[in-house]
Amino acid sequence: MKIITLGNCCKKSIQNHKNAVIAAKNCGVEEPVNVSDINEILKYGVMMTPALVIDGTVVSTGRMLSVEQIENLIRERS
């Protein structure tokens, strides 16, 4: 499973990535990668960050997710 967090420009994006790291560890999956390059973010069709991508699918945009919410998204896709 590959998890990517998009955005690193604001507190919410930074916290979203931290929450994703914790959630991935709790679920036993590989640590998420953060992408902050706007051109790469746009390739996903994302216009608002923070955003979360799991296995190439954008699962959340424009809001910070809690650790529990990210864990639920990971479990739904595993």
N, C-alpha and C. Protein backbone atom coordinates (compact mmCIF):
# COMPACT_ATOMS: atom_id res chain seq x y z
N MET A 1 0.84 -1.17 0.00
CA MET A 1 0.00 0.00 0.00
C MET A 1 0.89 1.23 0.00
N LYS A 2 0.58 2.19 -0.87
CA LYS A 2 1.35 3.42 -0.95
C LYS A 2 0.46 4.60 -0.56
N ILE A 3 0.92 5.35 0.43
CA ILE A 3 0.18 6.51 0.91
C ILE A 3 0.99 7.76 0.62
N ILE A 4 0.32 8.77 0.08
CA ILE A 4 0.96 10.04 -0.22
C ILE A 4 0.13 11.16 0.38
N THR A 5 0.79 12.07 1.08
CA THR A 5 0.11 13.27 1.54
C THR A 5 0.53 14.40 0.61
N LEU A 6 -0.43 15.24 0.27
CA LEU A 6 -0.17 16.35 -0.63
C LEU A 6 -0.27 17.66 0.13
N GLY A 7 0.73 18.52 -0.07
CA GLY A 7 0.75 19.83 0.57
C GLY A 7 1.74 19.87 1.71
N ASN A 8 2.37 21.00 1.86
CA ASN A 8 3.31 21.21 2.97
C ASN A 8 3.45 22.70 3.21
N CYS A 9 2.40 23.43 2.85
CA CYS A 9 2.49 24.89 2.85
C CYS A 9 1.84 25.53 4.08
N CYS A 10 1.13 24.75 4.86
CA CYS A 10 0.42 25.33 6.00
C CYS A 10 0.41 24.34 7.16
N LYS A 11 -0.02 24.82 8.31
CA LYS A 11 -0.05 23.97 9.51
C LYS A 11 -0.93 22.74 9.32
N LYS A 12 -2.06 22.91 8.63
CA LYS A 12 -2.97 21.77 8.44
C LYS A 12 -2.32 20.68 7.58
N SER A 13 -1.61 21.09 6.54
CA SER A 13 -0.95 20.10 5.69
C SER A 13 0.16 19.37 6.44
N ILE A 14 0.91 20.11 7.23
CA ILE A 14 1.99 19.50 8.01
C ILE A 14 1.41 18.52 9.03
N GLN A 15 0.35 18.92 9.71
CA GLN A 15 -0.29 18.03 10.70
C GLN A 15 -0.93 16.83 10.03
N ASN A 16 -1.51 17.03 8.85
CA ASN A 16 -2.12 15.92 8.11
C ASN A 16 -1.06 14.86 7.81
N HIS A 17 0.14 15.28 7.42
CA HIS A 17 1.21 14.33 7.14
C HIS A 17 1.63 13.60 8.43
N LYS A 18 1.77 14.35 9.51
CA LYS A 18 2.14 13.72 10.79
C LYS A 18 1.09 12.69 11.20
N ASN A 19 -0.17 13.02 11.03
CA ASN A 19 -1.25 12.08 11.37
C ASN A 19 -1.20 10.84 10.48
N ALA A 20 -0.87 11.04 9.20
CA ALA A 20 -0.77 9.92 8.27
C ALA A 20 0.39 8.99 8.65
N VAL A 21 1.49 9.57 9.11
CA VAL A 21 2.64 8.76 9.53
C VAL A 21 2.25 7.88 10.71
N ILE A 22 1.55 8.46 11.68
CA ILE A 22 1.11 7.69 12.86
C ILE A 22 0.12 6.61 12.45
N ALA A 23 -0.84 6.97 11.60
CA ALA A 23 -1.86 6.01 11.17
C ALA A 23 -1.22 4.85 10.41
N ALA A 24 -0.27 5.15 9.53
CA ALA A 24 0.40 4.09 8.76
C ALA A 24 1.15 3.15 9.70
N LYS A 25 1.83 3.72 10.66
CA LYS A 25 2.56 2.89 11.63
C LYS A 25 1.60 2.00 12.40
N ASN A 26 0.48 2.57 12.84
CA ASN A 26 -0.52 1.80 13.60
C ASN A 26 -1.12 0.67 12.77
N CYS A 27 -1.20 0.87 11.45
CA CYS A 27 -1.80 -0.14 10.57
C CYS A 27 -0.76 -1.07 9.95
N GLY A 28 0.51 -0.82 10.25
CA GLY A 28 1.55 -1.68 9.74
C GLY A 28 1.84 -1.54 8.26
N VAL A 29 1.64 -0.34 7.72
CA VAL A 29 1.95 -0.11 6.31
C VAL A 29 3.11 0.88 6.19
N GLU A 30 3.65 0.96 4.99
CA GLU A 30 4.81 1.80 4.72
C GLU A 30 4.52 3.27 5.04
N GLU A 31 5.53 3.96 5.57
CA GLU A 31 5.37 5.37 5.94
C GLU A 31 5.01 6.22 4.72
N PRO A 32 4.08 7.13 4.88
CA PRO A 32 3.65 7.98 3.76
C PRO A 32 4.76 8.90 3.25
N VAL A 33 4.65 9.23 1.98
CA VAL A 33 5.53 10.19 1.33
C VAL A 33 4.76 11.50 1.24
N ASN A 34 5.47 12.62 1.43
CA ASN A 34 4.83 13.92 1.29
C ASN A 34 5.27 14.55 -0.02
N VAL A 35 4.28 15.08 -0.76
CA VAL A 35 4.55 15.78 -2.00
C VAL A 35 4.10 17.22 -1.82
N SER A 36 5.03 18.16 -2.03
CA SER A 36 4.68 19.57 -1.86
C SER A 36 4.80 20.36 -3.16
N ASP A 37 5.35 19.75 -4.19
CA ASP A 37 5.49 20.42 -5.48
C ASP A 37 4.12 20.60 -6.13
N ILE A 38 3.77 21.85 -6.42
CA ILE A 38 2.43 22.16 -6.94
C ILE A 38 2.14 21.44 -8.25
N ASN A 39 3.14 21.27 -9.10
CA ASN A 39 2.92 20.59 -10.37
C ASN A 39 2.58 19.11 -10.15
N GLU A 40 3.23 18.49 -9.18
CA GLU A 40 2.92 17.10 -8.85
C GLU A 40 1.54 16.98 -8.22
N ILE A 41 1.20 17.93 -7.37
CA ILE A 41 -0.13 17.92 -6.73
C ILE A 41 -1.22 18.05 -7.79
N LEU A 42 -1.01 18.93 -8.76
CA LEU A 42 -2.01 19.14 -9.81
C LEU A 42 -2.21 17.90 -10.68
N LYS A 43 -1.19 17.05 -10.78
CA LYS A 43 -1.33 15.81 -11.55
C LYS A 43 -2.40 14.89 -10.96
N TYR A 44 -2.66 15.06 -9.67
CA TYR A 44 -3.72 14.28 -9.02
C TYR A 44 -5.08 14.95 -9.15
N GLY A 45 -5.14 16.14 -9.75
CA GLY A 45 -6.38 16.87 -9.89
C GLY A 45 -6.81 17.56 -8.60
N VAL A 46 -5.89 17.72 -7.68
CA VAL A 46 -6.18 18.31 -6.39
C VAL A 46 -6.01 19.82 -6.46
N MET A 47 -7.04 20.55 -6.04
CA MET A 47 -6.98 22.01 -6.05
C MET A 47 -6.84 22.59 -4.65
N MET A 48 -7.12 21.77 -3.63
CA MET A 48 -7.02 22.23 -2.24
C MET A 48 -6.25 21.21 -1.42
N THR A 49 -5.30 21.70 -0.65
CA THR A 49 -4.57 20.84 0.27
C THR A 49 -4.99 21.20 1.69
N PRO A 50 -4.79 20.34 2.65
CA PRO A 50 -4.12 19.05 2.54
C PRO A 50 -4.96 18.02 1.79
N ALA A 51 -4.27 17.04 1.26
CA ALA A 51 -4.95 15.96 0.56
C ALA A 51 -4.24 14.64 0.87
N LEU A 52 -4.97 13.56 0.69
CA LEU A 52 -4.44 12.23 0.98
C LEU A 52 -4.72 11.32 -0.20
N VAL A 53 -3.69 10.59 -0.61
CA VAL A 53 -3.79 9.66 -1.73
C VAL A 53 -3.40 8.28 -1.22
N ILE A 54 -4.23 7.28 -1.51
CA ILE A 54 -3.92 5.90 -1.14
C ILE A 54 -3.96 5.06 -2.41
N ASP A 55 -2.85 4.42 -2.71
CA ASP A 55 -2.71 3.58 -3.90
C ASP A 55 -3.18 4.29 -5.16
N GLY A 56 -2.80 5.55 -5.31
CA GLY A 56 -3.10 6.31 -6.52
C GLY A 56 -4.46 6.96 -6.58
N THR A 57 -5.29 6.74 -5.55
CA THR A 57 -6.63 7.31 -5.51
C THR A 57 -6.70 8.41 -4.46
N VAL A 58 -7.16 9.59 -4.88
CA VAL A 58 -7.34 10.70 -3.93
C VAL A 58 -8.54 10.36 -3.05
N VAL A 59 -8.32 10.29 -1.75
CA VAL A 59 -9.39 9.91 -0.83
C VAL A 59 -9.86 11.07 0.04
N SER A 60 -9.11 12.17 0.04
CA SER A 60 -9.51 13.33 0.83
C SER A 60 -8.80 14.57 0.30
N THR A 61 -9.53 15.69 0.23
CA THR A 61 -8.93 16.96 -0.17
C THR A 61 -9.51 18.08 0.67
N GLY A 62 -8.68 19.08 0.90
CA GLY A 62 -9.14 20.31 1.52
C GLY A 62 -9.39 20.27 3.02
N ARG A 63 -9.02 19.16 3.67
CA ARG A 63 -9.23 19.12 5.12
C ARG A 63 -8.21 18.19 5.77
N MET A 64 -7.87 18.54 6.99
CA MET A 64 -6.96 17.72 7.77
C MET A 64 -7.74 16.56 8.38
N LEU A 65 -7.19 15.38 8.29
CA LEU A 65 -7.83 14.19 8.84
C LEU A 65 -7.16 13.82 10.15
N SER A 66 -7.94 13.24 11.04
CA SER A 66 -7.39 12.74 12.30
C SER A 66 -6.69 11.41 12.03
N VAL A 67 -5.90 10.97 12.98
CA VAL A 67 -5.23 9.67 12.88
C VAL A 67 -6.28 8.58 12.67
N GLU A 68 -7.35 8.63 13.43
CA GLU A 68 -8.40 7.61 13.35
C GLU A 68 -9.07 7.60 11.98
N GLN A 69 -9.31 8.77 11.41
CA GLN A 69 -9.93 8.83 10.09
C GLN A 69 -9.02 8.21 9.04
N ILE A 70 -7.73 8.51 9.13
CA ILE A 70 -6.78 7.95 8.16
C ILE A 70 -6.66 6.44 8.34
N GLU A 71 -6.65 5.98 9.58
CA GLU A 71 -6.61 4.53 9.83
C GLU A 71 -7.82 3.86 9.19
N ASN A 72 -8.99 4.44 9.32
CA ASN A 72 -10.19 3.87 8.72
C ASN A 72 -10.08 3.81 7.20
N LEU A 73 -9.54 4.85 6.59
CA LEU A 73 -9.36 4.84 5.13
C LEU A 73 -8.36 3.77 4.70
N ILE A 74 -7.32 3.59 5.47
CA ILE A 74 -6.33 2.54 5.17
C ILE A 74 -6.97 1.17 5.27
N ARG A 75 -7.72 0.93 6.34
CA ARG A 75 -8.35 -0.38 6.53
C ARG A 75 -9.38 -0.68 5.47
N GLU A 76 -10.11 0.34 5.01
CA GLU A 76 -11.11 0.15 3.95
C GLU A 76 -10.47 -0.33 2.66
N ARG A 77 -9.21 0.03 2.44
CA ARG A 77 -8.54 -0.28 1.18
C ARG A 77 -7.55 -1.43 1.28
N SER A 78 -7.47 -2.08 2.44
CA SER A 78 -6.51 -3.18 2.56
C SER A 78 -7.20 -4.52 2.51
